[in-house]
Amino acid sequence: MRKRLTTLLAGVAALIATSFVFAPSASADAFRCGHSGSDPRAWCAYVQKAPNGLTIRSGPGTGYSAIGTVQNGTKLEIDCWAYGTSVNGYNIWARLYSPTGLKYVSDYYLTTGRIQSYVSKCL
């Protein structure tokens, strides 16, 4: 009986795990920007695993205009997150701090870990 319960619980855990899509494992989580950001309490992350650089867009999705590119290793200041089009099965986009208009990047390519845990959703 105990073995069957253990097997059942393992099966349920595997089923639940396959139902969620998480960001790729990050080499480092997001961190406080400190004095290098617009606000010492702001969150920063690095661009990672973007084969041809990470495209900055005017909205949270690949259908929005491309307005720039940043290379792997670039530090970005994150303002908030939003749902957008899926990139490799992950639909979270980070809005970057910018005094000159809206700028978004796919969170898939950032070292944020699980951005929703510490950064507010965009309004």
C-alpha atoms as a PDB file:
ATOM      1  CA  MET A   1       0.000   0.000   0.000  1.00  0.00           C
ATOM      2  CA  ARG A   2       2.763   2.447   0.963  1.00  0.00           C
ATOM      3  CA  LYS A   3       4.736   1.664  -2.215  1.00  0.00           C
ATOM      4  CA  ARG A   4       1.654   2.218  -4.371  1.00  0.00           C
ATOM      5  CA  LEU A   5       0.981   5.573  -2.664  1.00  0.00           C
ATOM      6  CA  THR A   6       4.601   6.646  -3.237  1.00  0.00           C
ATOM      7  CA  THR A   7       4.337   5.668  -6.905  1.00  0.00           C
ATOM      8  CA  LEU A   8       1.038   7.535  -7.240  1.00  0.00           C
ATOM      9  CA  LEU A   9       2.462  10.683  -5.652  1.00  0.00           C
ATOM     10  CA  ALA A  10       5.521  10.551  -7.917  1.00  0.00           C
ATOM     11  CA  GLY A  11       3.232  10.290 -10.945  1.00  0.00           C
ATOM     12  CA  VAL A  12       1.136  13.251  -9.820  1.00  0.00           C
ATOM     13  CA  ALA A  13       4.281  15.336  -9.229  1.00  0.00           C
ATOM     14  CA  ALA A  14       5.564  14.482 -12.720  1.00  0.00           C
ATOM     15  CA  LEU A  15       2.209  15.415 -14.258  1.00  0.00           C
ATOM     16  CA  ILE A  16       2.156  18.767 -12.456  1.00  0.00           C
ATOM     17  CA  ALA A  17       5.768  19.508 -13.426  1.00  0.00           C
ATOM     18  CA  THR A  18       5.033  18.992 -17.126  1.00  0.00           C
ATOM     19  CA  SER A  19       2.090  21.409 -16.952  1.00  0.00           C
ATOM     20  CA  PHE A  20       4.226  24.459 -16.266  1.00  0.00           C
ATOM     21  CA  VAL A  21       6.753  26.307 -18.392  1.00  0.00           C
ATOM     22  CA  PHE A  22       9.518  28.003 -16.459  1.00  0.00           C
ATOM     23  CA  ALA A  23      12.206  30.398 -17.554  1.00  0.00           C
ATOM     24  CA  PRO A  24      15.479  28.745 -18.501  1.00  0.00           C
ATOM     25  CA  SER A  25      17.813  28.127 -15.626  1.00  0.00           C
ATOM     26  CA  ALA A  26      19.800  31.261 -15.022  1.00  0.00           C
ATOM     27  CA  SER A  27      23.487  31.406 -14.318  1.00  0.00           C
ATOM     28  CA  ALA A  28      22.675  34.089 -11.745  1.00  0.00           C
ATOM     29  CA  ASP A  29      19.429  35.573 -10.487  1.00  0.00           C
ATOM     30  CA  ALA A  30      18.428  39.197 -10.826  1.00  0.00           C
ATOM     31  CA  PHE A  31      20.029  41.562  -8.368  1.00  0.00           C
ATOM     32  CA  ARG A  32      19.499  45.024  -6.952  1.00  0.00           C
ATOM     33  CA  CYS A  33      20.968  47.615  -9.293  1.00  0.00           C
ATOM     34  CA  GLY A  34      22.243  49.753  -6.438  1.00  0.00           C
ATOM     35  CA  HIS A  35      23.629  53.122  -7.464  1.00  0.00           C
ATOM     36  CA  SER A  36      24.146  52.010 -11.078  1.00  0.00           C
ATOM     37  CA  GLY A  37      20.381  52.131 -11.678  1.00  0.00           C
ATOM     38  CA  SER A  38      17.742  54.848 -11.657  1.00  0.00           C
ATOM     39  CA  ASP A  39      16.733  53.726  -8.166  1.00  0.00           C
ATOM     40  CA  PRO A  40      18.941  51.787  -5.709  1.00  0.00           C
ATOM     41  CA  ARG A  41      15.982  49.449  -5.064  1.00  0.00           C
ATOM     42  CA  ALA A  42      15.510  48.631  -8.762  1.00  0.00           C
ATOM     43  CA  TRP A  43      16.202  45.126 -10.104  1.00  0.00           C
ATOM     44  CA  CYS A  44      18.820  44.422 -12.764  1.00  0.00           C
ATOM     45  CA  ALA A  45      19.625  41.320 -14.791  1.00  0.00           C
ATOM     46  CA  TYR A  46      22.040  40.312 -17.516  1.00  0.00           C
ATOM     47  CA  VAL A  47      21.268  39.221 -21.069  1.00  0.00           C
ATOM     48  CA  GLN A  48      22.177  35.563 -21.629  1.00  0.00           C
ATOM     49  CA  LYS A  49      21.925  32.907 -24.346  1.00  0.00           C
ATOM     50  CA  ALA A  50      20.687  35.312 -27.055  1.00  0.00           C
ATOM     51  CA  PRO A  51      22.277  33.877 -30.230  1.00  0.00           C
ATOM     52  CA  ASN A  52      22.302  37.146 -32.218  1.00  0.00           C
ATOM     53  CA  GLY A  53      21.793  39.626 -29.411  1.00  0.00           C
ATOM     54  CA  LEU A  54      18.512  40.397 -27.681  1.00  0.00           C
ATOM     55  CA  THR A  55      16.005  42.524 -29.584  1.00  0.00           C
ATOM     56  CA  ILE A  56      14.433  45.398 -27.660  1.00  0.00           C
ATOM     57  CA  ARG A  57      10.817  45.940 -28.713  1.00  0.00           C
ATOM     58  CA  SER A  58       8.196  48.649 -28.264  1.00  0.00           C
ATOM     59  CA  GLY A  59       5.781  46.207 -26.579  1.00  0.00           C
ATOM     60  CA  PRO A  60       5.688  42.758 -24.957  1.00  0.00           C
ATOM     61  CA  GLY A  61       5.862  40.551 -28.000  1.00  0.00           C
ATOM     62  CA  THR A  62       7.548  39.705 -31.250  1.00  0.00           C
ATOM     63  CA  GLY A  63       4.817  41.541 -33.189  1.00  0.00           C
ATOM     64  CA  TYR A  64       5.946  44.895 -31.799  1.00  0.00           C
ATOM     65  CA  SER A  65       8.522  47.073 -33.542  1.00  0.00           C
ATOM     66  CA  ALA A  66      12.188  46.269 -32.988  1.00  0.00           C
ATOM     67  CA  ILE A  67      13.863  49.396 -31.591  1.00  0.00           C
ATOM     68  CA  GLY A  68      17.313  48.123 -30.685  1.00  0.00           C
ATOM     69  CA  THR A  69      19.531  45.194 -29.786  1.00  0.00           C
ATOM     70  CA  VAL A  70      21.703  44.387 -26.774  1.00  0.00           C
ATOM     71  CA  GLN A  71      24.418  41.744 -26.554  1.00  0.00           C
ATOM     72  CA  ASN A  72      24.897  38.889 -24.096  1.00  0.00           C
ATOM     73  CA  GLY A  73      26.375  40.129 -20.830  1.00  0.00           C
ATOM     74  CA  THR A  74      24.626  43.522 -21.011  1.00  0.00           C
ATOM     75  CA  LYS A  75      23.116  44.646 -17.689  1.00  0.00           C
ATOM     76  CA  LEU A  76      19.502  45.842 -17.955  1.00  0.00           C
ATOM     77  CA  GLU A  77      17.315  47.581 -15.379  1.00  0.00           C
ATOM     78  CA  ILE A  78      13.874  45.984 -15.099  1.00  0.00           C
ATOM     79  CA  ASP A  79      10.849  48.146 -14.360  1.00  0.00           C
ATOM     80  CA  CYS A  80       8.059  45.519 -14.392  1.00  0.00           C
ATOM     81  CA  TRP A  81       6.888  42.401 -16.263  1.00  0.00           C
ATOM     82  CA  ALA A  82       3.999  41.636 -18.643  1.00  0.00           C
ATOM     83  CA  TYR A  83       2.543  38.689 -20.514  1.00  0.00           C
ATOM     84  CA  GLY A  84       3.342  38.680 -24.215  1.00  0.00           C
ATOM     85  CA  THR A  85       3.996  36.367 -27.122  1.00  0.00           C
ATOM     86  CA  SER A  86       5.765  33.124 -26.359  1.00  0.00           C
ATOM     87  CA  VAL A  87       9.514  32.808 -26.870  1.00  0.00           C
ATOM     88  CA  ASN A  88      10.622  29.177 -26.649  1.00  0.00           C
ATOM     89  CA  GLY A  89       7.475  28.364 -24.653  1.00  0.00           C
ATOM     90  CA  TYR A  90       7.900  31.249 -22.178  1.00  0.00           C
ATOM     91  CA  ASN A  91       5.557  34.259 -22.420  1.00  0.00           C
ATOM     92  CA  ILE A  92       6.928  36.674 -19.797  1.00  0.00           C
ATOM     93  CA  TRP A  93       8.414  39.972 -21.028  1.00  0.00           C
ATOM     94  CA  ALA A  94      10.410  42.464 -18.975  1.00  0.00           C
ATOM     95  CA  ARG A  95       9.790  46.178 -19.411  1.00  0.00           C
ATOM     96  CA  LEU A  96      13.038  48.051 -19.082  1.00  0.00           C
ATOM     97  CA  TYR A  97      13.443  51.273 -17.195  1.00  0.00           C
ATOM     98  CA  SER A  98      13.566  54.027 -19.783  1.00  0.00           C
ATOM     99  CA  PRO A  99      12.768  57.731 -19.597  1.00  0.00           C
ATOM    100  CA  THR A 100      12.347  57.723 -23.409  1.00  0.00           C
ATOM    101  CA  GLY A 101       9.406  55.393 -24.066  1.00  0.00           C
ATOM    102  CA  LEU A 102       8.407  51.785 -23.574  1.00  0.00           C
ATOM    103  CA  LYS A 103      11.068  49.120 -24.117  1.00  0.00           C
ATOM    104  CA  TYR A 104      10.521  45.384 -23.653  1.00  0.00           C
ATOM    105  CA  VAL A 105      12.677  42.273 -23.912  1.00  0.00           C
ATOM    106  CA  SER A 106      11.793  38.617 -23.601  1.00  0.00           C
ATOM    107  CA  ASP A 107      12.512  37.453 -20.064  1.00  0.00           C
ATOM    108  CA  TYR A 108      13.581  34.125 -21.570  1.00  0.00           C
ATOM    109  CA  TYR A 109      16.981  35.679 -22.305  1.00  0.00           C
ATOM    110  CA  LEU A 110      17.542  37.355 -18.918  1.00  0.00           C
ATOM    111  CA  THR A 111      19.153  36.076 -15.722  1.00  0.00           C
ATOM    112  CA  THR A 112      16.024  36.859 -13.729  1.00  0.00           C
ATOM    113  CA  GLY A 113      15.066  33.371 -12.619  1.00  0.00           C
ATOM    114  CA  ARG A 114      11.355  33.806 -11.867  1.00  0.00           C
ATOM    115  CA  ILE A 115      10.782  37.537 -12.398  1.00  0.00           C
ATOM    116  CA  GLN A 116       7.206  37.431 -11.079  1.00  0.00           C
ATOM    117  CA  SER A 117       8.533  36.642  -7.593  1.00  0.00           C
ATOM    118  CA  TYR A 118      10.065  40.060  -6.977  1.00  0.00           C
ATOM    119  CA  VAL A 119       9.164  42.533  -9.746  1.00  0.00           C
ATOM    120  CA  SER A 120       5.651  43.973 -10.068  1.00  0.00           C
ATOM    121  CA  LYS A 121       3.420  43.239 -13.034  1.00  0.00           C
ATOM    122  CA  CYS A 122       3.156  46.190 -15.435  1.00  0.00           C
ATOM    123  CA  LEU A 123      -0.072  48.165 -15.158  1.00  0.00           C
END
